[in-house]
Amino acid sequence: MDKQDLGAFLRTRRERLRPEDVGLASGPRRRTPGLRREEIAVLAHISTEYYVRLEQGRAPRPSGEVLAGIAAGLRLTDAESEHLHLLAGTASVRAGLHRRDVRPSILTLLERLPQTAGFVTSAAFEVLAWNDLAAALMEDFGALAPADRDLARKAFLVPEAERRGVPLYGISDGAEFRQTVVMRLRTTVACYPSDPAVIGLIEELRSGSAEFARLWERHDVQTVPMLTKTFRHPVVGDVTVNCDSLALTGRDQHLVLYSAPQGSRDAEALALLNVLGTETIDAGARR
């Protein structure tokens, strides 16, 4: 049970609620954001004293029934409720290290994907495997050290000047991607609380990026699917692709696929990149 993170998560979820969200009158004398602790306690059917101790990180582990009441009172989503159970220690926590080995069947699939850029990320956002088209669209991951393949580090720690003023890979949704990184890392650290690579990555990001630190303190865990993405590529120009992210069960990895409708200008751009490969890409423009 992570008492401090549990308390912070409860507080941020409580402060985002408005009285009218739960059928209460707002009243004229509210001085703090969101609901009062005693109001959440009533909604969760627990004592105010116990709820206050939970937010302060001083309470013993709550039961599953108590957590269900709190989740209902705070109007948590399924993802937030699952995260609540992780923090409270009532959900399964993975022992040891997050997996970095990719199943051979997934590696074979990446090689056989026609006109689709595909890659696999770890629970800590390291690019573990990729096909040639993904390398041509994004960058030659094979030329990088494993630590430099981490998309979280690239999103938050590479200075804007080194990227020549262009967002990561020229993507159109850089801000949304950074928010997704923070949210998924929240879940990752709850699942792997003793993994030094995960802990070290988060500490590095918090100390090296004010934006990451600010987003981290929000304790958000509800991600929004990215359905399309536009890359500003230095050779073929703008390429808009459909995005599919498939969870690989048992390893907390994701298979990410970028494709374009057959016959579209974007599909033609991907086909051209498939022919050109990475040799024609200006390495300096891919930072």
C-alpha atoms as a PDB file:
ATOM      1  CA  MET A   1       0.000   0.000   0.000  1.00  0.00           C
ATOM      2  CA  ASP A   2       1.415   3.358  -1.075  1.00  0.00           C
ATOM      3  CA  LYS A   3      -0.170   5.565   1.584  1.00  0.00           C
ATOM      4  CA  GLN A   4       1.201   8.887   0.362  1.00  0.00           C
ATOM      5  CA  ASP A   5       0.287   8.380  -3.298  1.00  0.00           C
ATOM      6  CA  LEU A   6      -3.100   6.970  -2.287  1.00  0.00           C
ATOM      7  CA  GLY A   7      -3.808  10.082  -0.216  1.00  0.00           C
ATOM      8  CA  ALA A   8      -2.679  12.406  -3.005  1.00  0.00           C
ATOM      9  CA  PHE A   9      -4.769  10.539  -5.569  1.00  0.00           C
ATOM     10  CA  LEU A  10      -7.889  10.758  -3.391  1.00  0.00           C
ATOM     11  CA  ARG A  11      -7.338  14.462  -2.783  1.00  0.00           C
ATOM     12  CA  THR A  12      -6.932  15.328  -6.471  1.00  0.00           C
ATOM     13  CA  ARG A  13     -10.026  13.308  -7.415  1.00  0.00           C
ATOM     14  CA  ARG A  14     -12.056  14.996  -4.646  1.00  0.00           C
ATOM     15  CA  GLU A  15     -10.925  18.491  -5.607  1.00  0.00           C
ATOM     16  CA  ARG A  16     -12.007  18.061  -9.229  1.00  0.00           C
ATOM     17  CA  LEU A  17     -15.624  17.262  -8.288  1.00  0.00           C
ATOM     18  CA  ARG A  18     -18.259  19.956  -8.020  1.00  0.00           C
ATOM     19  CA  PRO A  19     -21.203  19.654  -5.587  1.00  0.00           C
ATOM     20  CA  GLU A  20     -23.667  19.556  -8.468  1.00  0.00           C
ATOM     21  CA  ASP A  21     -21.804  16.548  -9.905  1.00  0.00           C
ATOM     22  CA  VAL A  22     -23.063  14.453  -6.983  1.00  0.00           C
ATOM     23  CA  GLY A  23     -26.425  16.121  -6.437  1.00  0.00           C
ATOM     24  CA  LEU A  24     -25.391  18.562  -3.688  1.00  0.00           C
ATOM     25  CA  ALA A  25     -26.061  22.270  -3.446  1.00  0.00           C
ATOM     26  CA  SER A  26     -22.933  24.349  -4.010  1.00  0.00           C
ATOM     27  CA  GLY A  27     -23.756  26.918  -1.333  1.00  0.00           C
ATOM     28  CA  PRO A  28     -22.193  30.382  -0.951  1.00  0.00           C
ATOM     29  CA  ARG A  29     -19.340  29.676   1.465  1.00  0.00           C
ATOM     30  CA  ARG A  30     -17.074  27.104  -0.202  1.00  0.00           C
ATOM     31  CA  ARG A  31     -13.458  28.175   0.169  1.00  0.00           C
ATOM     32  CA  THR A  32     -11.702  25.084  -1.172  1.00  0.00           C
ATOM     33  CA  PRO A  33     -11.946  23.459  -4.615  1.00  0.00           C
ATOM     34  CA  GLY A  34     -14.179  20.463  -5.064  1.00  0.00           C
ATOM     35  CA  LEU A  35     -16.078  18.597  -2.395  1.00  0.00           C
ATOM     36  CA  ARG A  36     -15.388  18.599   1.335  1.00  0.00           C
ATOM     37  CA  ARG A  37     -13.893  15.497   2.925  1.00  0.00           C
ATOM     38  CA  GLU A  38     -16.996  14.951   5.029  1.00  0.00           C
ATOM     39  CA  GLU A  39     -19.149  14.976   1.900  1.00  0.00           C
ATOM     40  CA  ILE A  40     -17.066  12.246   0.273  1.00  0.00           C
ATOM     41  CA  ALA A  41     -17.222  10.239   3.501  1.00  0.00           C
ATOM     42  CA  VAL A  42     -21.026  10.408   3.453  1.00  0.00           C
ATOM     43  CA  LEU A  43     -21.141   9.389  -0.211  1.00  0.00           C
ATOM     44  CA  ALA A  44     -18.730   6.495   0.448  1.00  0.00           C
ATOM     45  CA  HIS A  45     -20.588   5.384   3.608  1.00  0.00           C
ATOM     46  CA  ILE A  46     -17.518   5.635   5.826  1.00  0.00           C
ATOM     47  CA  SER A  47     -16.593   7.871   8.734  1.00  0.00           C
ATOM     48  CA  THR A  48     -15.171  11.312   8.064  1.00  0.00           C
ATOM     49  CA  GLU A  49     -12.259  10.594  10.414  1.00  0.00           C
ATOM     50  CA  TYR A  50     -11.225   7.501   8.467  1.00  0.00           C
ATOM     51  CA  TYR A  51     -11.458   9.264   5.112  1.00  0.00           C
ATOM     52  CA  VAL A  52      -9.368  12.184   6.421  1.00  0.00           C
ATOM     53  CA  ARG A  53      -6.729   9.727   7.615  1.00  0.00           C
ATOM     54  CA  LEU A  54      -6.698   8.084   4.190  1.00  0.00           C
ATOM     55  CA  GLU A  55      -6.002  11.417   2.471  1.00  0.00           C
ATOM     56  CA  GLN A  56      -3.319  12.191   5.052  1.00  0.00           C
ATOM     57  CA  GLY A  57      -1.580   8.836   4.498  1.00  0.00           C
ATOM     58  CA  ARG A  58      -2.204   7.663   8.078  1.00  0.00           C
ATOM     59  CA  ALA A  59      -4.927   5.031   7.690  1.00  0.00           C
ATOM     60  CA  PRO A  60      -4.530   1.248   7.529  1.00  0.00           C
ATOM     61  CA  ARG A  61      -5.297  -0.559   4.292  1.00  0.00           C
ATOM     62  CA  PRO A  62      -8.973  -0.145   3.333  1.00  0.00           C
ATOM     63  CA  SER A  63     -11.065  -3.153   2.436  1.00  0.00           C
ATOM     64  CA  GLY A  64     -12.352  -3.814  -1.054  1.00  0.00           C
ATOM     65  CA  GLU A  65     -15.832  -2.785   0.079  1.00  0.00           C
ATOM     66  CA  VAL A  66     -14.550   0.546   1.409  1.00  0.00           C
ATOM     67  CA  LEU A  67     -12.624   1.184  -1.817  1.00  0.00           C
ATOM     68  CA  ALA A  68     -15.727   0.429  -3.870  1.00  0.00           C
ATOM     69  CA  GLY A  69     -17.666   2.975  -1.799  1.00  0.00           C
ATOM     70  CA  ILE A  70     -14.938   5.602  -2.231  1.00  0.00           C
ATOM     71  CA  ALA A  71     -14.735   4.957  -5.983  1.00  0.00           C
ATOM     72  CA  ALA A  72     -18.488   5.410  -6.283  1.00  0.00           C
ATOM     73  CA  GLY A  73     -18.454   8.554  -4.127  1.00  0.00           C
ATOM     74  CA  LEU A  74     -15.648  10.122  -6.166  1.00  0.00           C
ATOM     75  CA  ARG A  75     -17.301   9.078  -9.453  1.00  0.00           C
ATOM     76  CA  LEU A  76     -14.114   7.316 -10.572  1.00  0.00           C
ATOM     77  CA  THR A  77     -13.852   5.804 -14.030  1.00  0.00           C
ATOM     78  CA  ASP A  78     -12.948   2.134 -14.441  1.00  0.00           C
ATOM     79  CA  ALA A  79      -9.298   3.067 -15.051  1.00  0.00           C
ATOM     80  CA  GLU A  80      -9.206   5.331 -11.996  1.00  0.00           C
ATOM     81  CA  SER A  81     -10.905   2.701  -9.831  1.00  0.00           C
ATOM     82  CA  GLU A  82      -8.338   0.116 -10.907  1.00  0.00           C
ATOM     83  CA  HIS A  83      -5.561   2.561 -10.063  1.00  0.00           C
ATOM     84  CA  LEU A  84      -7.133   3.168  -6.635  1.00  0.00           C
ATOM     85  CA  HIS A  85      -6.980  -0.562  -5.891  1.00  0.00           C
ATOM     86  CA  LEU A  86      -3.346  -0.690  -7.060  1.00  0.00           C
ATOM     87  CA  LEU A  87      -2.354   2.130  -4.708  1.00  0.00           C
ATOM     88  CA  ALA A  88      -4.266   0.537  -1.839  1.00  0.00           C
ATOM     89  CA  GLY A  89      -2.521  -2.793  -2.351  1.00  0.00           C
ATOM     90  CA  THR A  90      -5.700  -4.754  -3.063  1.00  0.00           C
ATOM     91  CA  ALA A  91      -4.866  -5.439  -6.724  1.00  0.00           C
ATOM     92  CA  SER A  92      -2.133  -7.645  -8.108  1.00  0.00           C
ATOM     93  CA  VAL A  93       1.280  -5.968  -8.211  1.00  0.00           C
ATOM     94  CA  ARG A  94       3.964  -7.403 -10.477  1.00  0.00           C
ATOM     95  CA  ALA A  95       7.039  -8.646  -8.703  1.00  0.00           C
ATOM     96  CA  GLY A  96      10.479  -7.591  -9.859  1.00  0.00           C
ATOM     97  CA  LEU A  97      11.171  -5.913 -13.189  1.00  0.00           C
ATOM     98  CA  HIS A  98       8.959  -5.004 -16.137  1.00  0.00           C
ATOM     99  CA  ARG A  99       9.421  -7.233 -19.178  1.00  0.00           C
ATOM    100  CA  ARG A 100      11.645  -6.045 -22.017  1.00  0.00           C
ATOM    101  CA  ASP A 101      11.717  -9.232 -24.100  1.00  0.00           C
ATOM    102  CA  VAL A 102       9.254  -9.319 -26.992  1.00  0.00           C
ATOM    103  CA  ARG A 103       7.454 -12.495 -27.997  1.00  0.00           C
ATOM    104  CA  PRO A 104       8.885 -14.047 -31.198  1.00  0.00           C
ATOM    105  CA  SER A 105       5.418 -14.112 -32.750  1.00  0.00           C
ATOM    106  CA  ILE A 106       5.170 -10.324 -32.380  1.00  0.00           C
ATOM    107  CA  LEU A 107       8.605  -9.872 -33.965  1.00  0.00           C
ATOM    108  CA  THR A 108       7.469 -11.992 -36.916  1.00  0.00           C
ATOM    109  CA  LEU A 109       4.265  -9.981 -37.193  1.00  0.00           C
ATOM    110  CA  LEU A 110       6.218  -6.712 -37.345  1.00  0.00           C
ATOM    111  CA  GLU A 111       8.264  -8.017 -40.285  1.00  0.00           C
ATOM    112  CA  ARG A 112       5.185  -9.122 -42.214  1.00  0.00           C
ATOM    113  CA  LEU A 113       3.045  -5.988 -41.826  1.00  0.00           C
ATOM    114  CA  PRO A 114       2.429  -4.509 -45.282  1.00  0.00           C
ATOM    115  CA  GLN A 115       2.649  -0.723 -45.571  1.00  0.00           C
ATOM    116  CA  THR A 116       2.231  -0.338 -41.812  1.00  0.00           C
ATOM    117  CA  ALA A 117       4.727   1.183 -39.401  1.00  0.00           C
ATOM    118  CA  GLY A 118       4.825  -0.897 -36.248  1.00  0.00           C
ATOM    119  CA  PHE A 119       6.793  -0.940 -33.028  1.00  0.00           C
ATOM    120  CA  VAL A 120       6.568  -2.337 -29.502  1.00  0.00           C
ATOM    121  CA  THR A 121       7.005  -0.271 -26.336  1.00  0.00           C
ATOM    122  CA  SER A 122       7.693  -1.448 -22.818  1.00  0.00           C
ATOM    123  CA  ALA A 123       5.751  -0.385 -19.729  1.00  0.00           C
ATOM    124  CA  ALA A 124       8.392   2.353 -19.368  1.00  0.00           C
ATOM    125  CA  PHE A 125       8.021   3.548 -23.009  1.00  0.00           C
ATOM    126  CA  GLU A 126      11.252   2.070 -24.337  1.00  0.00           C
ATOM    127  CA  VAL A 127      10.965   1.066 -27.993  1.00  0.00           C
ATOM    128  CA  LEU A 128      11.824  -2.639 -27.850  1.00  0.00           C
ATOM    129  CA  ALA A 129      11.176  -3.754 -31.442  1.00  0.00           C
ATOM    130  CA  TRP A 130      10.235  -2.073 -34.709  1.00  0.00           C
ATOM    131  CA  ASN A 131       9.962  -2.679 -38.423  1.00  0.00           C
ATOM    132  CA  ASP A 132      11.754  -0.840 -41.219  1.00  0.00           C
ATOM    133  CA  LEU A 133       8.856   1.485 -41.971  1.00  0.00           C
ATOM    134  CA  ALA A 134       8.645   2.637 -38.339  1.00  0.00           C
ATOM    135  CA  ALA A 135      12.350   3.444 -38.461  1.00  0.00           C
ATOM    136  CA  ALA A 136      11.911   5.388 -41.694  1.00  0.00           C
ATOM    137  CA  LEU A 137       8.897   7.313 -40.356  1.00  0.00           C
ATOM    138  CA  MET A 138      10.320   8.090 -36.900  1.00  0.00           C
ATOM    139  CA  GLU A 139      14.055   7.364 -36.625  1.00  0.00           C
ATOM    140  CA  ASP A 140      16.584   4.557 -36.866  1.00  0.00           C
ATOM    141  CA  PHE A 141      16.141   3.056 -33.405  1.00  0.00           C
ATOM    142  CA  GLY A 142      18.836   0.493 -34.142  1.00  0.00           C
ATOM    143  CA  ALA A 143      21.455   3.260 -34.140  1.00  0.00           C
ATOM    144  CA  LEU A 144      20.518   4.286 -30.583  1.00  0.00           C
ATOM    145  CA  ALA A 145      21.451   2.938 -27.179  1.00  0.00           C
ATOM    146  CA  PRO A 146      18.463   1.364 -25.348  1.00  0.00           C
ATOM    147  CA  ALA A 147      18.133   4.318 -22.955  1.00  0.00           C
ATOM    148  CA  ASP A 148      17.934   6.687 -25.933  1.00  0.00           C
ATOM    149  CA  ARG A 149      15.038   4.723 -27.422  1.00  0.00           C
ATOM    150  CA  ASP A 150      12.765   5.689 -24.535  1.00  0.00           C
ATOM    151  CA  LEU A 151       9.909   7.829 -25.845  1.00  0.00           C
ATOM    152  CA  ALA A 152       9.258   9.347 -22.410  1.00  0.00           C
ATOM    153  CA  ARG A 153      12.799  10.737 -22.259  1.00  0.00           C
ATOM    154  CA  LYS A 154      12.502  11.970 -25.838  1.00  0.00           C
ATOM    155  CA  ALA A 155       9.175  13.674 -25.157  1.00  0.00           C
ATOM    156  CA  PHE A 156      10.268  15.535 -22.020  1.00  0.00           C
ATOM    157  CA  LEU A 157      14.060  15.737 -21.812  1.00  0.00           C
ATOM    158  CA  VAL A 158      15.322  16.531 -25.325  1.00  0.00           C
ATOM    159  CA  PRO A 159      15.715  20.348 -25.410  1.00  0.00           C
ATOM    160  CA  GLU A 160      13.585  22.185 -27.963  1.00  0.00           C
ATOM    161  CA  ALA A 161      16.729  23.737 -29.441  1.00  0.00           C
ATOM    162  CA  GLU A 162      18.148  20.301 -30.211  1.00  0.00           C
ATOM    163  CA  ARG A 163      14.901  19.400 -31.973  1.00  0.00           C
ATOM    164  CA  ARG A 164      15.267  22.551 -34.107  1.00  0.00           C
ATOM    165  CA  GLY A 165      11.990  23.865 -32.725  1.00  0.00           C
ATOM    166  CA  VAL A 166      10.073  20.831 -34.035  1.00  0.00           C
ATOM    167  CA  PRO A 167       8.071  18.562 -31.683  1.00  0.00           C
ATOM    168  CA  LEU A 168       9.063  14.935 -31.247  1.00  0.00           C
ATOM    169  CA  TYR A 169       9.083  13.382 -34.754  1.00  0.00           C
ATOM    170  CA  GLY A 170       7.081  16.412 -35.900  1.00  0.00           C
ATOM    171  CA  ILE A 171       3.884  14.890 -34.455  1.00  0.00           C
ATOM    172  CA  SER A 172       0.747  16.998 -34.351  1.00  0.00           C
ATOM    173  CA  ASP A 173      -0.357  15.924 -30.870  1.00  0.00           C
ATOM    174  CA  GLY A 174       2.789  16.397 -28.822  1.00  0.00           C
ATOM    175  CA  ALA A 175       0.983  17.796 -25.765  1.00  0.00           C
ATOM    176  CA  GLU A 176      -1.544  14.956 -25.749  1.00  0.00           C
ATOM    177  CA  PHE A 177       1.233  12.376 -26.115  1.00  0.00           C
ATOM    178  CA  ARG A 178       3.126  13.827 -23.152  1.00  0.00           C
ATOM    179  CA  GLN A 179      -0.024  13.654 -21.027  1.00  0.00           C
ATOM    180  CA  THR A 180      -0.495  10.018 -22.052  1.00  0.00           C
ATOM    181  CA  VAL A 181       3.099   9.239 -21.072  1.00  0.00           C
ATOM    182  CA  VAL A 182       2.566  10.642 -17.584  1.00  0.00           C
ATOM    183  CA  MET A 183      -0.725   8.821 -17.079  1.00  0.00           C
ATOM    184  CA  ARG A 184       0.638   5.453 -18.191  1.00  0.00           C
ATOM    185  CA  LEU A 185       3.763   5.859 -16.064  1.00  0.00           C
ATOM    186  CA  ARG A 186       1.472   6.411 -13.063  1.00  0.00           C
ATOM    187  CA  THR A 187       0.026   2.956 -13.682  1.00  0.00           C
ATOM    188  CA  THR A 188       3.449   1.463 -14.381  1.00  0.00           C
ATOM    189  CA  VAL A 189       4.991   2.599 -11.097  1.00  0.00           C
ATOM    190  CA  ALA A 190       1.942   1.321  -9.205  1.00  0.00           C
ATOM    191  CA  CYS A 191       2.385  -2.091 -10.869  1.00  0.00           C
ATOM    192  CA  TYR A 192       6.191  -2.206 -10.497  1.00  0.00           C
ATOM    193  CA  PRO A 193       6.937  -0.281  -7.276  1.00  0.00           C
ATOM    194  CA  SER A 194      10.305  -2.017  -6.784  1.00  0.00           C
ATOM    195  CA  ASP A 195      11.640  -1.792 -10.359  1.00  0.00           C
ATOM    196  CA  PRO A 196      14.721   0.474 -10.233  1.00  0.00           C
ATOM    197  CA  ALA A 197      14.475   1.262 -13.959  1.00  0.00           C
ATOM    198  CA  VAL A 198      10.921   2.552 -13.564  1.00  0.00           C
ATOM    199  CA  ILE A 199      11.681   4.484 -10.370  1.00  0.00           C
ATOM    200  CA  GLY A 200      14.857   5.943 -11.894  1.00  0.00           C
ATOM    201  CA  LEU A 201      13.067   7.025 -15.082  1.00  0.00           C
ATOM    202  CA  ILE A 202      10.363   8.860 -13.152  1.00  0.00           C
ATOM    203  CA  GLU A 203      12.885  10.583 -10.888  1.00  0.00           C
ATOM    204  CA  GLU A 204      14.882  11.629 -13.957  1.00  0.00           C
ATOM    205  CA  LEU A 205      11.776  13.047 -15.633  1.00  0.00           C
ATOM    206  CA  ARG A 206      10.553  14.861 -12.512  1.00  0.00           C
ATOM    207  CA  SER A 207      13.897  16.534 -11.929  1.00  0.00           C
ATOM    208  CA  GLY A 208      14.603  17.265 -15.592  1.00  0.00           C
ATOM    209  CA  SER A 209      11.225  18.525 -16.826  1.00  0.00           C
ATOM    210  CA  ALA A 210       9.027  21.093 -15.115  1.00  0.00           C
ATOM    211  CA  GLU A 211       6.159  20.066 -17.401  1.00  0.00           C
ATOM    212  CA  PHE A 212       6.450  16.425 -16.381  1.00  0.00           C
ATOM    213  CA  ALA A 213       6.580  17.383 -12.694  1.00  0.00           C
ATOM    214  CA  ARG A 214       3.442  19.515 -13.087  1.00  0.00           C
ATOM    215  CA  LEU A 215       1.511  16.795 -14.903  1.00  0.00           C
ATOM    216  CA  TRP A 216       2.719  14.168 -12.427  1.00  0.00           C
ATOM    217  CA  GLU A 217       1.227  16.070  -9.501  1.00  0.00           C
ATOM    218  CA  ARG A 218      -2.214  15.924 -11.123  1.00  0.00           C
ATOM    219  CA  HIS A 219      -2.379  12.142 -10.497  1.00  0.00           C
ATOM    220  CA  ASP A 220      -4.370  11.555 -13.698  1.00  0.00           C
ATOM    221  CA  VAL A 221      -4.573   7.989 -15.010  1.00  0.00           C
ATOM    222  CA  GLN A 222      -7.445   8.136 -17.543  1.00  0.00           C
ATOM    223  CA  THR A 223      -5.900   8.135 -21.015  1.00  0.00           C
ATOM    224  CA  VAL A 224      -7.656   9.208 -24.224  1.00  0.00           C
ATOM    225  CA  PRO A 225      -7.111   7.032 -27.327  1.00  0.00           C
ATOM    226  CA  MET A 226      -5.199   8.683 -30.160  1.00  0.00           C
ATOM    227  CA  LEU A 227      -7.083   7.759 -33.325  1.00  0.00           C
ATOM    228  CA  THR A 228      -4.980   9.671 -35.836  1.00  0.00           C
ATOM    229  CA  LYS A 229      -1.588  11.343 -35.824  1.00  0.00           C
ATOM    230  CA  THR A 230       0.233  13.600 -38.269  1.00  0.00           C
ATOM    231  CA  PHE A 231       4.013  13.365 -38.706  1.00  0.00           C
ATOM    232  CA  ARG A 232       5.915  16.243 -40.297  1.00  0.00           C
ATOM    233  CA  HIS A 233       8.560  14.195 -42.078  1.00  0.00           C
ATOM    234  CA  PRO A 234      11.714  15.875 -43.457  1.00  0.00           C
ATOM    235  CA  VAL A 235      11.595  13.888 -46.716  1.00  0.00           C
ATOM    236  CA  VAL A 236       7.947  13.197 -47.634  1.00  0.00           C
ATOM    237  CA  GLY A 237       6.264  16.046 -45.774  1.00  0.00           C
ATOM    238  CA  ASP A 238       3.154  15.697 -43.629  1.00  0.00           C
ATOM    239  CA  VAL A 239       1.864  12.146 -43.219  1.00  0.00           C
ATOM    240  CA  THR A 240      -1.425  11.526 -41.390  1.00  0.00           C
ATOM    241  CA  VAL A 241      -1.849   7.994 -40.123  1.00  0.00           C
ATOM    242  CA  ASN A 242      -4.410   5.956 -38.231  1.00  0.00           C
ATOM    243  CA  CYS A 243      -3.182   4.931 -34.781  1.00  0.00           C
ATOM    244  CA  ASP A 244      -3.847   1.591 -33.134  1.00  0.00           C
ATOM    245  CA  SER A 245      -2.264   0.640 -29.822  1.00  0.00           C
ATOM    246  CA  LEU A 246      -2.753  -2.995 -28.819  1.00  0.00           C
ATOM    247  CA  ALA A 247      -1.961  -4.188 -25.298  1.00  0.00           C
ATOM    248  CA  LEU A 248       0.218  -7.317 -25.217  1.00  0.00           C
ATOM    249  CA  THR A 249      -1.176  -9.209 -22.268  1.00  0.00           C
ATOM    250  CA  GLY A 250       1.167 -10.676 -19.715  1.00  0.00           C
ATOM    251  CA  ARG A 251       4.043  -8.283 -20.432  1.00  0.00           C
ATOM    252  CA  ASP A 252       2.549  -4.795 -20.031  1.00  0.00           C
ATOM    253  CA  GLN A 253       3.806  -3.937 -23.511  1.00  0.00           C
ATOM    254  CA  HIS A 254       2.023  -2.197 -26.379  1.00  0.00           C
ATOM    255  CA  LEU A 255       2.112  -2.892 -30.106  1.00  0.00           C
ATOM    256  CA  VAL A 256       1.652   0.452 -31.886  1.00  0.00           C
ATOM    257  CA  LEU A 257       0.557   0.448 -35.539  1.00  0.00           C
ATOM    258  CA  TYR A 258       0.492   3.419 -37.935  1.00  0.00           C
ATOM    259  CA  SER A 259      -1.345   2.904 -41.222  1.00  0.00           C
ATOM    260  CA  ALA A 260      -3.169   4.935 -43.881  1.00  0.00           C
ATOM    261  CA  PRO A 261      -6.236   4.232 -46.070  1.00  0.00           C
ATOM    262  CA  GLN A 262      -5.350   2.396 -49.259  1.00  0.00           C
ATOM    263  CA  GLY A 263      -4.958   4.721 -52.234  1.00  0.00           C
ATOM    264  CA  SER A 264      -4.640   7.865 -50.118  1.00  0.00           C
ATOM    265  CA  ARG A 265      -1.839  10.390 -50.429  1.00  0.00           C
ATOM    266  CA  ASP A 266      -0.666   9.324 -46.958  1.00  0.00           C
ATOM    267  CA  ALA A 267      -0.507   5.669 -48.008  1.00  0.00           C
ATOM    268  CA  GLU A 268       1.614   6.708 -50.993  1.00  0.00           C
ATOM    269  CA  ALA A 269       3.949   8.612 -48.641  1.00  0.00           C
ATOM    270  CA  LEU A 270       4.327   5.524 -46.432  1.00  0.00           C
ATOM    271  CA  ALA A 271       5.026   3.401 -49.508  1.00  0.00           C
ATOM    272  CA  LEU A 272       7.726   5.848 -50.588  1.00  0.00           C
ATOM    273  CA  LEU A 273       9.294   5.749 -47.119  1.00  0.00           C
ATOM    274  CA  ASN A 274       9.238   1.966 -47.272  1.00  0.00           C
ATOM    275  CA  VAL A 275      11.392   2.170 -50.412  1.00  0.00           C
ATOM    276  CA  LEU A 276      13.689   4.934 -49.199  1.00  0.00           C
ATOM    277  CA  GLY A 277      14.332   3.421 -45.767  1.00  0.00           C
ATOM    278  CA  THR A 278      16.393   5.295 -43.205  1.00  0.00           C
ATOM    279  CA  GLU A 279      19.463   6.006 -45.325  1.00  0.00           C
ATOM    280  CA  THR A 280      18.009   9.197 -46.842  1.00  0.00           C
ATOM    281  CA  ILE A 281      16.861  10.645 -43.512  1.00  0.00           C
ATOM    282  CA  ASP A 282      18.867  13.577 -42.196  1.00  0.00           C
ATOM    283  CA  ALA A 283      19.897  12.370 -38.745  1.00  0.00           C
ATOM    284  CA  GLY A 284      20.002  15.889 -37.407  1.00  0.00           C
ATOM    285  CA  ALA A 285      16.358  16.488 -38.333  1.00  0.00           C
ATOM    286  CA  ARG A 286      15.180  13.369 -36.506  1.00  0.00           C
ATOM    287  CA  ARG A 287      16.131  14.477 -32.988  1.00  0.00           C
END
